[in-house]
Amino acid sequence: MRSNMRFLASLFFRSEIQRAEDSEITDSFWEEVMVFILASSESDALDKAKEIGRSKSGVTYPSERGQITWKFVTVERVVPLENDMCSHADEVFSRFLRSSEAISILEKFD
């Protein structure tokens, strides 16, 4: 049986803000989250990354702009790592993006 290897996965989330005054839902910004994954293969790491993303989807909290809900969108990439200093599902990087930035990052080059 193959031992677990370490991977880094980039997960994309999109926020939806529902304003109380008119119940309109707007996309405001994106978040990219990097997590460590322990898996037997890159395809297994991708499956686990999707599972982590789905488990974090739907988080909602109030803000001055309205009710914010985070939705999991996709796993942008999975990269194998040779360093074994971190644990499975540890978040190591996160950033907020404008919609245009997220769309640009997710576009594949020909």
N, C-alpha and C. Protein backbone atom coordinates (compact mmCIF):
# COMPACT_ATOMS: atom_id res chain seq x y z
N MET A 1 0.84 -1.18 0.00
CA MET A 1 0.00 0.00 0.00
C MET A 1 0.88 1.25 0.00
N ARG A 2 0.54 2.20 -0.80
CA ARG A 2 1.31 3.43 -0.95
C ARG A 2 1.06 4.38 0.23
N SER A 3 2.14 4.97 0.78
CA SER A 3 1.97 5.88 1.90
C SER A 3 1.45 7.23 1.41
N ASN A 4 0.89 7.99 2.34
CA ASN A 4 0.36 9.31 1.99
C ASN A 4 1.47 10.26 1.58
N MET A 5 1.20 11.01 0.53
CA MET A 5 2.09 12.07 0.08
C MET A 5 1.43 13.39 0.46
N ARG A 6 2.21 14.47 0.42
CA ARG A 6 1.70 15.79 0.78
C ARG A 6 1.49 16.63 -0.47
N PHE A 7 0.37 17.37 -0.46
CA PHE A 7 0.02 18.24 -1.57
C PHE A 7 -0.44 19.58 -1.02
N LEU A 8 -0.36 20.59 -1.84
CA LEU A 8 -0.93 21.89 -1.53
C LEU A 8 -2.03 22.14 -2.55
N ALA A 9 -3.22 22.50 -2.07
CA ALA A 9 -4.37 22.73 -2.95
C ALA A 9 -4.84 24.17 -2.81
N SER A 10 -5.20 24.77 -3.95
CA SER A 10 -5.74 26.12 -4.00
C SER A 10 -7.25 26.02 -4.22
N LEU A 11 -8.03 26.48 -3.23
CA LEU A 11 -9.49 26.45 -3.28
C LEU A 11 -10.02 27.86 -3.49
N PHE A 12 -11.02 28.00 -4.33
CA PHE A 12 -11.64 29.31 -4.59
C PHE A 12 -13.05 29.34 -4.01
N PHE A 13 -13.34 30.43 -3.29
CA PHE A 13 -14.65 30.69 -2.71
C PHE A 13 -15.13 32.05 -3.20
N ARG A 14 -16.44 32.18 -3.40
CA ARG A 14 -17.04 33.45 -3.81
C ARG A 14 -18.01 33.89 -2.71
N SER A 15 -17.99 35.18 -2.40
CA SER A 15 -18.94 35.68 -1.40
C SER A 15 -20.20 36.17 -2.08
N GLU A 16 -21.31 36.01 -1.38
CA GLU A 16 -22.58 36.59 -1.80
C GLU A 16 -23.06 37.43 -0.63
N ILE A 17 -23.40 38.69 -0.91
CA ILE A 17 -23.90 39.58 0.13
C ILE A 17 -25.36 39.86 -0.15
N GLN A 18 -26.19 39.58 0.83
CA GLN A 18 -27.61 39.89 0.71
C GLN A 18 -27.89 41.12 1.57
N ARG A 19 -28.24 42.21 0.89
CA ARG A 19 -28.53 43.46 1.59
C ARG A 19 -29.92 43.37 2.21
N ALA A 20 -30.02 43.78 3.46
CA ALA A 20 -31.27 43.69 4.19
C ALA A 20 -32.37 44.56 3.59
N GLU A 21 -32.00 45.74 3.10
CA GLU A 21 -33.02 46.69 2.64
C GLU A 21 -33.74 46.25 1.37
N ASP A 22 -33.08 45.51 0.49
CA ASP A 22 -33.77 45.13 -0.74
C ASP A 22 -33.64 43.64 -1.07
N SER A 23 -33.03 42.86 -0.21
CA SER A 23 -32.84 41.41 -0.39
C SER A 23 -32.09 41.05 -1.66
N GLU A 24 -31.43 42.03 -2.29
CA GLU A 24 -30.65 41.75 -3.50
C GLU A 24 -29.36 41.03 -3.11
N ILE A 25 -29.01 40.02 -3.89
CA ILE A 25 -27.76 39.28 -3.66
C ILE A 25 -26.73 39.76 -4.67
N THR A 26 -25.56 40.12 -4.16
CA THR A 26 -24.49 40.59 -5.04
C THR A 26 -23.22 39.80 -4.76
N ASP A 27 -22.42 39.60 -5.79
CA ASP A 27 -21.09 39.03 -5.61
C ASP A 27 -20.18 40.19 -5.24
N SER A 28 -19.44 40.07 -4.16
CA SER A 28 -18.58 41.18 -3.79
C SER A 28 -17.10 40.87 -3.99
N PHE A 29 -16.65 39.72 -3.54
CA PHE A 29 -15.25 39.38 -3.72
C PHE A 29 -15.03 37.88 -3.60
N TRP A 30 -13.83 37.48 -3.94
CA TRP A 30 -13.45 36.06 -3.93
C TRP A 30 -12.37 35.87 -2.88
N GLU A 31 -12.20 34.62 -2.46
CA GLU A 31 -11.10 34.25 -1.57
C GLU A 31 -10.43 33.01 -2.13
N GLU A 32 -9.11 33.05 -2.16
CA GLU A 32 -8.33 31.87 -2.51
C GLU A 32 -7.73 31.35 -1.22
N VAL A 33 -7.91 30.05 -0.95
CA VAL A 33 -7.41 29.43 0.27
C VAL A 33 -6.49 28.28 -0.13
N MET A 34 -5.31 28.23 0.48
CA MET A 34 -4.38 27.12 0.25
C MET A 34 -4.43 26.19 1.46
N VAL A 35 -4.59 24.89 1.19
CA VAL A 35 -4.61 23.90 2.26
C VAL A 35 -3.64 22.76 1.94
N PHE A 36 -3.08 22.18 3.00
CA PHE A 36 -2.27 20.98 2.85
C PHE A 36 -3.19 19.78 2.78
N ILE A 37 -2.83 18.83 1.93
CA ILE A 37 -3.61 17.61 1.75
C ILE A 37 -2.68 16.41 1.89
N LEU A 38 -3.11 15.41 2.64
CA LEU A 38 -2.42 14.12 2.68
C LEU A 38 -3.22 13.16 1.82
N ALA A 39 -2.57 12.58 0.82
CA ALA A 39 -3.29 11.70 -0.12
C ALA A 39 -2.33 10.71 -0.75
N SER A 40 -2.88 9.65 -1.32
CA SER A 40 -2.06 8.61 -1.94
C SER A 40 -1.68 8.95 -3.38
N SER A 41 -2.38 9.93 -3.99
CA SER A 41 -2.09 10.32 -5.37
C SER A 41 -2.61 11.73 -5.61
N GLU A 42 -2.25 12.31 -6.75
CA GLU A 42 -2.73 13.65 -7.07
C GLU A 42 -4.25 13.67 -7.27
N SER A 43 -4.80 12.61 -7.89
CA SER A 43 -6.25 12.57 -8.08
C SER A 43 -6.98 12.41 -6.75
N ASP A 44 -6.40 11.64 -5.83
CA ASP A 44 -6.96 11.51 -4.48
C ASP A 44 -6.89 12.86 -3.76
N ALA A 45 -5.80 13.58 -3.94
CA ALA A 45 -5.65 14.92 -3.33
C ALA A 45 -6.71 15.88 -3.87
N LEU A 46 -6.98 15.82 -5.16
CA LEU A 46 -8.02 16.66 -5.75
C LEU A 46 -9.39 16.35 -5.14
N ASP A 47 -9.71 15.07 -5.00
CA ASP A 47 -10.98 14.68 -4.39
C ASP A 47 -11.08 15.19 -2.95
N LYS A 48 -10.00 15.06 -2.19
CA LYS A 48 -10.00 15.53 -0.80
C LYS A 48 -10.10 17.05 -0.74
N ALA A 49 -9.45 17.75 -1.66
CA ALA A 49 -9.53 19.21 -1.70
C ALA A 49 -10.96 19.66 -1.96
N LYS A 50 -11.64 18.99 -2.88
CA LYS A 50 -13.05 19.32 -3.16
C LYS A 50 -13.92 19.08 -1.93
N GLU A 51 -13.65 17.99 -1.23
CA GLU A 51 -14.40 17.67 -0.01
C GLU A 51 -14.20 18.76 1.05
N ILE A 52 -12.97 19.22 1.21
CA ILE A 52 -12.67 20.31 2.16
C ILE A 52 -13.41 21.57 1.75
N GLY A 53 -13.37 21.90 0.45
CA GLY A 53 -14.06 23.09 -0.04
C GLY A 53 -15.55 23.03 0.22
N ARG A 54 -16.16 21.89 -0.09
CA ARG A 54 -17.60 21.74 0.14
C ARG A 54 -17.94 21.85 1.63
N SER A 55 -17.05 21.34 2.49
CA SER A 55 -17.32 21.40 3.94
C SER A 55 -17.25 22.82 4.48
N LYS A 56 -16.52 23.71 3.80
CA LYS A 56 -16.40 25.11 4.24
C LYS A 56 -17.39 26.02 3.51
N SER A 57 -18.12 25.48 2.55
CA SER A 57 -19.08 26.27 1.79
C SER A 57 -20.32 26.54 2.62
N GLY A 58 -20.94 27.70 2.39
CA GLY A 58 -22.19 28.02 3.08
C GLY A 58 -22.02 28.74 4.39
N VAL A 59 -20.78 29.07 4.78
CA VAL A 59 -20.56 29.83 6.00
C VAL A 59 -21.17 31.21 5.82
N THR A 60 -22.02 31.61 6.75
CA THR A 60 -22.73 32.89 6.65
C THR A 60 -22.53 33.68 7.94
N TYR A 61 -22.37 34.99 7.79
CA TYR A 61 -22.28 35.86 8.95
C TYR A 61 -22.75 37.27 8.58
N PRO A 62 -23.22 38.02 9.58
CA PRO A 62 -23.69 39.39 9.30
C PRO A 62 -22.50 40.36 9.18
N SER A 63 -22.70 41.39 8.38
CA SER A 63 -21.71 42.46 8.27
C SER A 63 -22.44 43.77 8.06
N GLU A 64 -21.71 44.86 8.05
CA GLU A 64 -22.35 46.16 7.82
C GLU A 64 -22.93 46.27 6.41
N ARG A 65 -22.44 45.48 5.48
CA ARG A 65 -22.96 45.47 4.10
C ARG A 65 -24.20 44.61 3.94
N GLY A 66 -24.40 43.68 4.86
CA GLY A 66 -25.52 42.74 4.77
C GLY A 66 -25.05 41.35 5.19
N GLN A 67 -25.86 40.35 4.91
CA GLN A 67 -25.54 38.96 5.25
C GLN A 67 -24.56 38.41 4.20
N ILE A 68 -23.37 37.98 4.65
CA ILE A 68 -22.36 37.44 3.74
C ILE A 68 -22.37 35.92 3.82
N THR A 69 -22.42 35.28 2.65
CA THR A 69 -22.34 33.82 2.57
C THR A 69 -21.21 33.45 1.63
N TRP A 70 -20.32 32.56 2.09
CA TRP A 70 -19.22 32.08 1.26
C TRP A 70 -19.62 30.78 0.58
N LYS A 71 -19.38 30.71 -0.73
CA LYS A 71 -19.71 29.52 -1.53
C LYS A 71 -18.43 28.95 -2.15
N PHE A 72 -18.24 27.65 -2.00
CA PHE A 72 -17.11 26.98 -2.65
C PHE A 72 -17.36 26.95 -4.15
N VAL A 73 -16.33 27.32 -4.94
CA VAL A 73 -16.46 27.35 -6.39
C VAL A 73 -15.68 26.21 -7.04
N THR A 74 -14.38 26.12 -6.75
CA THR A 74 -13.56 25.11 -7.42
C THR A 74 -12.22 24.94 -6.72
N VAL A 75 -11.56 23.84 -7.06
CA VAL A 75 -10.15 23.65 -6.73
C VAL A 75 -9.37 24.12 -7.95
N GLU A 76 -8.60 25.18 -7.78
CA GLU A 76 -7.88 25.76 -8.91
C GLU A 76 -6.68 24.90 -9.31
N ARG A 77 -5.97 24.36 -8.32
CA ARG A 77 -4.85 23.47 -8.62
C ARG A 77 -4.46 22.67 -7.39
N VAL A 78 -3.76 21.55 -7.65
CA VAL A 78 -3.17 20.71 -6.60
C VAL A 78 -1.72 20.51 -6.98
N VAL A 79 -0.82 20.78 -6.02
CA VAL A 79 0.62 20.71 -6.29
C VAL A 79 1.27 19.75 -5.29
N PRO A 80 2.05 18.77 -5.76
CA PRO A 80 2.74 17.88 -4.82
C PRO A 80 3.84 18.63 -4.07
N LEU A 81 4.04 18.27 -2.79
CA LEU A 81 5.07 18.88 -1.95
C LEU A 81 6.06 17.83 -1.49
N GLU A 82 7.28 18.25 -1.31
CA GLU A 82 8.29 17.33 -0.79
C GLU A 82 8.55 17.56 0.69
N ASN A 83 8.13 18.70 1.22
CA ASN A 83 8.34 19.04 2.62
C ASN A 83 7.22 18.42 3.46
N ASP A 84 7.56 17.87 4.63
CA ASP A 84 6.55 17.21 5.46
C ASP A 84 6.32 17.91 6.80
N MET A 85 6.46 19.23 6.84
CA MET A 85 6.36 19.97 8.09
C MET A 85 4.92 20.33 8.50
N CYS A 86 3.94 20.24 7.62
CA CYS A 86 2.58 20.65 7.93
C CYS A 86 1.65 19.45 7.97
N SER A 87 0.44 19.69 8.49
CA SER A 87 -0.55 18.63 8.64
C SER A 87 -1.68 18.76 7.62
N HIS A 88 -2.39 17.69 7.42
CA HIS A 88 -3.52 17.63 6.49
C HIS A 88 -4.53 18.73 6.80
N ALA A 89 -4.97 19.46 5.78
CA ALA A 89 -6.01 20.50 5.83
C ALA A 89 -5.60 21.78 6.56
N ASP A 90 -4.32 21.94 6.92
CA ASP A 90 -3.85 23.21 7.49
C ASP A 90 -3.97 24.29 6.43
N GLU A 91 -4.54 25.44 6.81
CA GLU A 91 -4.61 26.56 5.87
C GLU A 91 -3.29 27.31 5.95
N VAL A 92 -2.64 27.49 4.79
CA VAL A 92 -1.33 28.14 4.77
C VAL A 92 -1.32 29.46 4.01
N PHE A 93 -2.39 29.74 3.27
CA PHE A 93 -2.44 30.97 2.50
C PHE A 93 -3.90 31.30 2.20
N SER A 94 -4.23 32.57 2.28
CA SER A 94 -5.58 33.01 1.95
C SER A 94 -5.49 34.45 1.48
N ARG A 95 -6.27 34.80 0.48
CA ARG A 95 -6.32 36.18 0.03
C ARG A 95 -7.68 36.47 -0.55
N PHE A 96 -8.05 37.76 -0.51
CA PHE A 96 -9.32 38.20 -1.07
C PHE A 96 -9.05 38.77 -2.45
N LEU A 97 -9.95 38.48 -3.38
CA LEU A 97 -9.78 38.89 -4.77
C LEU A 97 -11.03 39.58 -5.28
N ARG A 98 -10.84 40.54 -6.17
CA ARG A 98 -11.98 41.08 -6.91
C ARG A 98 -12.42 40.02 -7.91
N SER A 99 -13.67 40.10 -8.34
CA SER A 99 -14.19 39.10 -9.28
C SER A 99 -13.32 38.99 -10.52
N SER A 100 -12.88 40.14 -11.06
CA SER A 100 -12.05 40.12 -12.27
C SER A 100 -10.73 39.40 -12.03
N GLU A 101 -10.15 39.53 -10.84
CA GLU A 101 -8.90 38.84 -10.52
C GLU A 101 -9.11 37.33 -10.48
N ALA A 102 -10.18 36.90 -9.81
CA ALA A 102 -10.46 35.47 -9.70
C ALA A 102 -10.72 34.86 -11.07
N ILE A 103 -11.51 35.55 -11.88
CA ILE A 103 -11.81 35.05 -13.22
C ILE A 103 -10.54 34.95 -14.04
N SER A 104 -9.67 35.95 -13.92
CA SER A 104 -8.40 35.94 -14.64
C SER A 104 -7.52 34.77 -14.20
N ILE A 105 -7.41 34.53 -12.92
CA ILE A 105 -6.59 33.44 -12.40
C ILE A 105 -7.13 32.07 -12.86
N LEU A 106 -8.46 31.95 -12.91
CA LEU A 106 -9.08 30.68 -13.27
C LEU A 106 -9.06 30.39 -14.76
N GLU A 107 -8.81 31.42 -15.60
CA GLU A 107 -8.73 31.20 -17.04
C GLU A 107 -7.46 30.42 -17.38
N LYS A 108 -7.61 29.42 -18.21
CA LYS A 108 -6.47 28.63 -18.65
C LYS A 108 -5.80 29.29 -19.85
N PHE A 109 -4.47 29.24 -19.88
CA PHE A 109 -3.75 29.75 -21.04
C PHE A 109 -3.75 28.68 -22.13
N ASP A 110 -3.83 29.12 -23.37
CA ASP A 110 -3.80 28.17 -24.50
C ASP A 110 -2.41 27.66 -24.75
